[in-house]
Each structure stands twice: as C-alpha cells, then as structure tokens.
Amino acid sequence: MLDSIVKKADSGKKQLSILIDPDKVNKSSINRLCEVADEISADFFLIGGSLLTDGDLEETILLIKEKSKLPCIIFPGSSNQLSPKADAILFLSLLSGRNPEMLIGQQVIAAPYIKQANIEAIGTAYLLIESGSQTTASYMSNSNPIPANKAEIAASTALAGDYMGMQLIYLDAGSGAKNVVPEEMIKKVKSYTKKPLFIGGGINTANKLKAAYEAGADVVVIGNAFEKDENFAQEISPILKQFN
C-alpha cells in the first residue's frame, strides 16, 4: 500500500482518501460513501476515529469491502483499533505532542498484534494542528496541537519524523475542524521533507481542497463533508480532474 501512495505522489498525482468513523456510519451510509468513492475515483479509505464508543471497526471494514475494491487503511485512535481485515494501518506516532503514551506506548502494545495479523504497517509522523477549537483528537491524546501560525515548528517536527524513518507525514486539524491546516504551513513542511504529505481536517469546500493541493498536499483526507453534504462529491469532482 505504501508503494502505491509513494509512486502516485512521486508522479505528481494528487490523491484523495475518504475517512470513515465507525461511530458515525451505518450500512446505508457506508454503501453511499462507497458509491461516492467510485464516483470521484478516490484512492483509498481510512477507517478509525479518536474515540470509538458504539462503532465496530472490523464490521465497518467488511461492509466497505462488500461494496468497494478500494484499499482499507486503519487510522487508529488507540491500540485497540486493529483488524486483520485491513489492507494496512497508519502506524501513527503523535510527534506534535509530548505525551509518551501516544509517541510510543500505544505502538508497543499494538506491534505484536500487527505482526501476527500480517498487516502492512506504515510509519506515520502524525501532527495535530490548532484549528480554532479543541478537537477530540487533541483532547483524547492529552496533547497540545502545533499553533496554526507556527509553520516552522510543524516543518521542523515533520523533518524530525523524516529523519527518524517515518514513511508518511500527516498534518491534521481534526475531524470537523473549524479551520483547515494553513497553506503556508503545508508549503513549509513540503519544502523540508519530500515524504508523501497527508492533510486532513475541515476541508469542506472545493476551494479548500484546491488550496491544499496547490500548497503541496499529496493526499487530502475528507470525512465529515461527504456525510453532511450530498452534493459535495459533485462540487469537488472538477478539482480532482484538474489535478489528475
């Protein structure tokens, strides 16, 4: 899975991932999101959430696979969000914070299961970015996000992740974010590291998607916008065609 992401990024192809939170979907909405993914030629699904209460991660993956051939990558909020049915997992280390549990603690717990289940683990430098209000991700991780006006901190942190051997960089404003990751921050990070760059959180218009791509995002992750706006796929379709 990593090879595909890297190959597309290196060729200049802009990728789109649909984020599905098992807590926020049912069979009907999953079917619709699979149709949307096909309609806009999405590249893969991310499945997970900062906090799962009622949702079932593995059941969600299986329902997606009934309707779509796109890869399912786990986007875990904790070490209990694992399934052998996934095609890969973003093996996140929260480098923006200083909480050792999210830097390495949860990873040590998850690693033996991932090895036994033979899931492709993709080392990911995960950076939470301040978005105008506290997000579930920052609250649950007990960490402060990088200030939105501190692009140099984000870039230096991403570069440190690169030097530590991380295979992807992910800047996340958080699900349903009030503000998106600033364009200047995306540009700065991209000037520091050439690893594939994921951008997520608050991207709910075609203009915001276009701005993220133009600033240097290789993969844009969108979830809430598809759930809240039935016409969103049609709105962003021209942007996806423009960049590909």
Protein backbone atom coordinates (compact mmCIF):
# COMPACT_ATOMS: atom_id res chain seq x y z
CA MET A 1 0.00 0.00 0.00
CA LEU A 2 2.83 2.37 0.86
CA ASP A 3 4.44 1.72 -2.52
CA SER A 4 1.26 2.81 -4.29
CA ILE A 5 0.97 6.02 -2.24
CA VAL A 6 4.63 6.91 -2.80
CA LYS A 7 4.54 6.09 -6.51
CA LYS A 8 1.50 8.31 -7.08
CA ALA A 9 2.98 11.14 -5.01
CA ASP A 10 6.30 10.97 -6.86
CA SER A 11 4.48 11.12 -10.20
CA GLY A 12 2.61 14.25 -9.14
CA LYS A 13 -0.80 12.59 -8.81
CA LYS A 14 -2.97 14.17 -6.15
CA GLN A 15 -4.74 11.56 -4.04
CA LEU A 16 -7.96 11.63 -2.06
CA SER A 17 -8.92 9.44 0.87
CA ILE A 18 -12.37 9.12 2.40
CA LEU A 19 -12.27 8.91 6.19
CA ILE A 20 -14.93 6.72 7.76
CA ASP A 21 -15.52 6.83 11.51
CA PRO A 22 -17.25 3.58 12.57
CA ASP A 23 -19.14 5.53 15.24
CA LYS A 24 -20.79 7.77 12.66
CA VAL A 25 -21.93 5.34 9.97
CA ASN A 26 -24.35 2.51 9.35
CA LYS A 27 -24.73 0.06 6.48
CA SER A 28 -26.73 2.53 4.40
CA SER A 29 -24.27 5.40 4.80
CA ILE A 30 -21.32 3.08 4.13
CA ASN A 31 -22.95 1.98 0.87
CA ARG A 32 -23.43 5.62 -0.13
CA LEU A 33 -19.82 6.50 0.71
CA CYS A 34 -18.62 3.58 -1.39
CA GLU A 35 -20.68 4.90 -4.30
CA VAL A 36 -19.17 8.36 -3.75
CA ALA A 37 -15.66 6.87 -3.72
CA ASP A 38 -16.32 5.22 -7.06
CA GLU A 39 -17.87 8.39 -8.49
CA ILE A 40 -14.86 10.59 -7.68
CA SER A 41 -12.21 7.87 -8.15
CA ALA A 42 -10.97 8.07 -4.56
CA ASP A 43 -7.71 6.26 -3.86
CA PHE A 44 -8.43 4.51 -0.55
CA PHE A 45 -10.44 4.58 2.65
CA LEU A 46 -9.16 5.48 6.09
CA ILE A 47 -11.13 3.82 8.89
CA GLY A 48 -10.97 4.84 12.52
CA GLY A 49 -11.59 7.62 15.00
CA SER A 50 -10.16 9.32 18.05
CA LEU A 51 -12.76 7.60 20.23
CA LEU A 52 -14.91 4.61 19.33
CA THR A 53 -17.97 4.02 21.51
CA ASP A 54 -20.67 2.21 19.53
CA GLY A 55 -18.90 1.56 16.23
CA ASP A 56 -17.23 -1.70 15.18
CA LEU A 57 -14.02 -1.20 13.21
CA GLU A 58 -13.83 -4.67 11.69
CA GLU A 59 -17.50 -4.76 10.77
CA THR A 60 -17.11 -1.39 9.07
CA ILE A 61 -14.16 -2.67 7.03
CA LEU A 62 -16.09 -5.77 5.99
CA LEU A 63 -19.10 -3.69 4.92
CA ILE A 64 -16.84 -1.46 2.83
CA LYS A 65 -15.20 -4.45 1.17
CA GLU A 66 -18.63 -5.81 0.20
CA LYS A 67 -19.22 -2.70 -1.90
CA SER A 68 -15.80 -1.41 -2.92
CA LYS A 69 -12.47 -2.71 -4.19
CA LEU A 70 -10.57 0.25 -2.75
CA PRO A 71 -7.98 -0.48 -0.04
CA CYS A 72 -8.98 -0.01 3.59
CA ILE A 73 -6.29 1.52 5.81
CA ILE A 74 -6.77 1.74 9.57
CA PHE A 75 -6.38 5.24 11.02
CA PRO A 76 -6.20 4.26 14.69
CA GLY A 77 -7.08 6.39 17.68
CA SER A 78 -5.65 3.78 20.04
CA SER A 79 -4.09 0.32 20.14
CA ASN A 80 -7.48 -1.39 20.28
CA GLN A 81 -8.45 -0.17 16.80
CA LEU A 82 -6.98 -3.11 14.90
CA SER A 83 -8.26 -5.71 12.44
CA PRO A 84 -6.63 -8.35 10.23
CA LYS A 85 -9.19 -7.48 7.54
CA ALA A 86 -7.48 -4.16 6.80
CA ASP A 87 -5.07 -3.74 3.91
CA ALA A 88 -2.71 -1.61 6.00
CA ILE A 89 -2.50 0.55 9.10
CA LEU A 90 -1.09 4.02 9.56
CA PHE A 91 1.34 3.29 12.40
CA LEU A 92 1.00 6.73 13.93
CA SER A 93 3.37 8.44 16.32
CA LEU A 94 1.99 11.74 17.63
CA LEU A 95 5.08 13.90 17.22
CA SER A 96 3.30 17.22 17.77
CA GLY A 97 2.72 16.41 21.45
CA ARG A 98 4.88 15.29 24.34
CA ASN A 99 2.66 12.50 25.63
CA PRO A 100 4.86 9.36 25.69
CA GLU A 101 1.79 7.12 25.53
CA MET A 102 0.96 8.48 22.07
CA LEU A 103 4.58 8.67 20.97
CA ILE A 104 5.48 5.04 21.70
CA GLY A 105 3.29 3.48 24.43
CA GLN A 106 0.27 2.52 22.32
CA GLN A 107 2.56 1.49 19.48
CA VAL A 108 4.38 -1.10 21.65
CA ILE A 109 1.02 -2.61 22.63
CA ALA A 110 -0.19 -2.79 19.03
CA ALA A 111 3.00 -4.01 17.37
CA PRO A 112 2.80 -7.75 18.25
CA TYR A 113 -0.81 -7.96 17.03
CA ILE A 114 0.06 -6.21 13.77
CA LYS A 115 2.95 -8.63 13.21
CA GLN A 116 0.79 -11.68 13.96
CA ALA A 117 -2.03 -10.44 11.72
CA ASN A 118 0.47 -9.63 8.95
CA ILE A 119 -0.95 -6.14 8.41
CA GLU A 120 1.23 -3.71 6.46
CA ALA A 121 2.33 -1.06 8.96
CA ILE A 122 3.12 2.37 7.51
CA GLY A 123 5.20 4.52 9.85
CA THR A 124 3.48 7.91 10.01
CA ALA A 125 4.61 11.14 11.67
CA TYR A 126 1.29 12.48 12.95
CA LEU A 127 0.99 16.17 13.76
CA LEU A 128 -2.10 17.79 15.22
CA ILE A 129 -2.54 21.40 14.10
CA GLU A 130 -4.51 24.03 16.03
CA SER A 131 -7.83 24.61 14.28
CA GLY A 132 -9.72 27.25 16.25
CA SER A 133 -11.32 24.93 18.79
CA GLN A 134 -10.34 21.86 20.76
CA THR A 135 -10.79 18.64 18.79
CA THR A 136 -11.50 15.13 20.02
CA ALA A 137 -8.04 14.10 18.84
CA SER A 138 -6.19 16.69 20.94
CA TYR A 139 -8.39 16.06 23.99
CA MET A 140 -8.11 12.27 23.84
CA SER A 141 -4.36 12.38 23.22
CA ASN A 142 -3.83 14.79 26.14
CA SER A 143 -1.59 16.94 23.97
CA ASN A 144 -1.41 20.46 22.62
CA PRO A 145 -1.61 20.90 18.85
CA ILE A 146 1.02 22.90 16.98
CA PRO A 147 -0.16 26.55 16.73
CA ALA A 148 -1.54 27.33 13.29
CA ASN A 149 0.79 30.33 12.91
CA LYS A 150 3.95 28.33 13.68
CA ALA A 151 4.75 26.79 10.31
CA GLU A 152 8.42 26.44 11.21
CA ILE A 153 7.57 24.23 14.21
CA ALA A 154 5.44 21.97 12.02
CA ALA A 155 8.17 21.79 9.38
CA SER A 156 10.90 21.02 11.90
CA THR A 157 8.75 18.36 13.54
CA ALA A 158 7.95 16.77 10.19
CA LEU A 159 11.63 16.79 9.27
CA ALA A 160 12.49 15.12 12.57
CA GLY A 161 9.93 12.44 11.75
CA ASP A 162 11.51 12.00 8.33
CA TYR A 163 14.98 11.60 9.88
CA MET A 164 13.55 9.09 12.37
CA GLY A 165 12.46 6.94 9.44
CA MET A 166 8.76 7.79 9.21
CA GLN A 167 7.37 6.98 5.78
CA LEU A 168 4.50 9.49 5.69
CA ILE A 169 3.78 12.91 7.20
CA TYR A 170 0.21 13.67 8.30
CA LEU A 171 -0.92 17.17 9.34
CA ASP A 172 -4.38 17.02 10.89
CA ALA A 173 -6.58 19.89 12.02
CA GLY A 174 -9.01 17.30 13.40
CA SER A 175 -12.36 15.92 12.37
CA GLY A 176 -14.87 18.68 11.69
CA ALA A 177 -12.22 21.34 12.32
CA LYS A 178 -13.27 24.98 12.33
CA ASN A 179 -10.12 25.96 10.41
CA VAL A 180 -8.01 23.93 7.99
CA VAL A 181 -4.24 23.41 8.06
CA PRO A 182 -2.87 26.75 6.74
CA GLU A 183 -1.48 26.80 3.21
CA GLU A 184 1.77 28.40 4.39
CA MET A 185 2.31 25.54 6.83
CA ILE A 186 1.73 22.96 4.10
CA LYS A 187 4.22 24.75 1.83
CA LYS A 188 6.80 24.98 4.62
CA VAL A 189 6.52 21.32 5.54
CA LYS A 190 6.74 20.29 1.89
CA SER A 191 9.91 22.36 1.50
CA TYR A 192 11.50 20.48 4.42
CA THR A 193 10.64 16.90 3.51
CA LYS A 194 9.70 15.05 0.34
CA LYS A 195 7.85 12.26 2.10
CA PRO A 196 4.19 11.93 1.00
CA LEU A 197 2.16 14.56 2.83
CA PHE A 198 -1.36 13.90 4.13
CA ILE A 199 -3.60 16.85 5.02
CA GLY A 200 -6.89 16.45 6.88
CA GLY A 201 -9.49 18.29 8.93
CA GLY A 202 -12.07 20.90 7.97
CA ILE A 203 -11.81 20.54 4.19
CA ASN A 204 -15.46 21.01 3.27
CA THR A 205 -15.37 23.09 0.08
CA ALA A 206 -13.86 22.70 -3.37
CA ASN A 207 -11.75 25.82 -2.80
CA LYS A 208 -10.22 24.41 0.38
CA LEU A 209 -9.39 21.17 -1.42
CA LYS A 210 -7.79 23.08 -4.29
CA ALA A 211 -5.77 25.23 -1.89
CA ALA A 212 -4.43 22.18 -0.05
CA TYR A 213 -3.33 20.53 -3.29
CA GLU A 214 -1.74 23.73 -4.62
CA ALA A 215 0.16 24.21 -1.36
CA GLY A 216 1.72 20.75 -1.65
CA ALA A 217 -0.61 18.13 -0.19
CA ASP A 218 -0.12 14.72 -1.81
CA VAL A 219 -3.14 13.16 -0.11
CA VAL A 220 -6.18 15.03 1.21
CA VAL A 221 -8.36 13.23 3.74
CA ILE A 222 -12.05 14.12 3.89
CA GLY A 223 -14.78 12.62 6.04
CA ASN A 224 -17.43 14.90 7.52
CA ALA A 225 -18.09 16.83 4.31
CA PHE A 226 -19.30 13.72 2.48
CA GLU A 227 -21.57 12.85 5.41
CA LYS A 228 -23.09 16.32 5.73
CA ASP A 229 -23.41 17.41 2.09
CA GLU A 230 -24.82 15.04 -0.52
CA ASN A 231 -23.63 17.35 -3.30
CA PHE A 232 -20.05 17.63 -2.06
CA ALA A 233 -18.74 14.90 -4.37
CA GLN A 234 -20.07 16.77 -7.41
CA GLU A 235 -18.54 20.01 -6.17
CA ILE A 236 -15.01 18.62 -5.83
CA SER A 237 -15.05 16.40 -8.92
CA PRO A 238 -13.72 19.18 -11.23
CA ILE A 239 -10.86 19.86 -8.79
CA LEU A 240 -9.85 16.20 -8.75
CA LYS A 241 -9.88 16.11 -12.54
CA GLN A 242 -7.87 19.33 -12.72
CA PHE A 243 -5.03 17.89 -10.65
CA ASN A 244 -5.03 14.49 -12.32
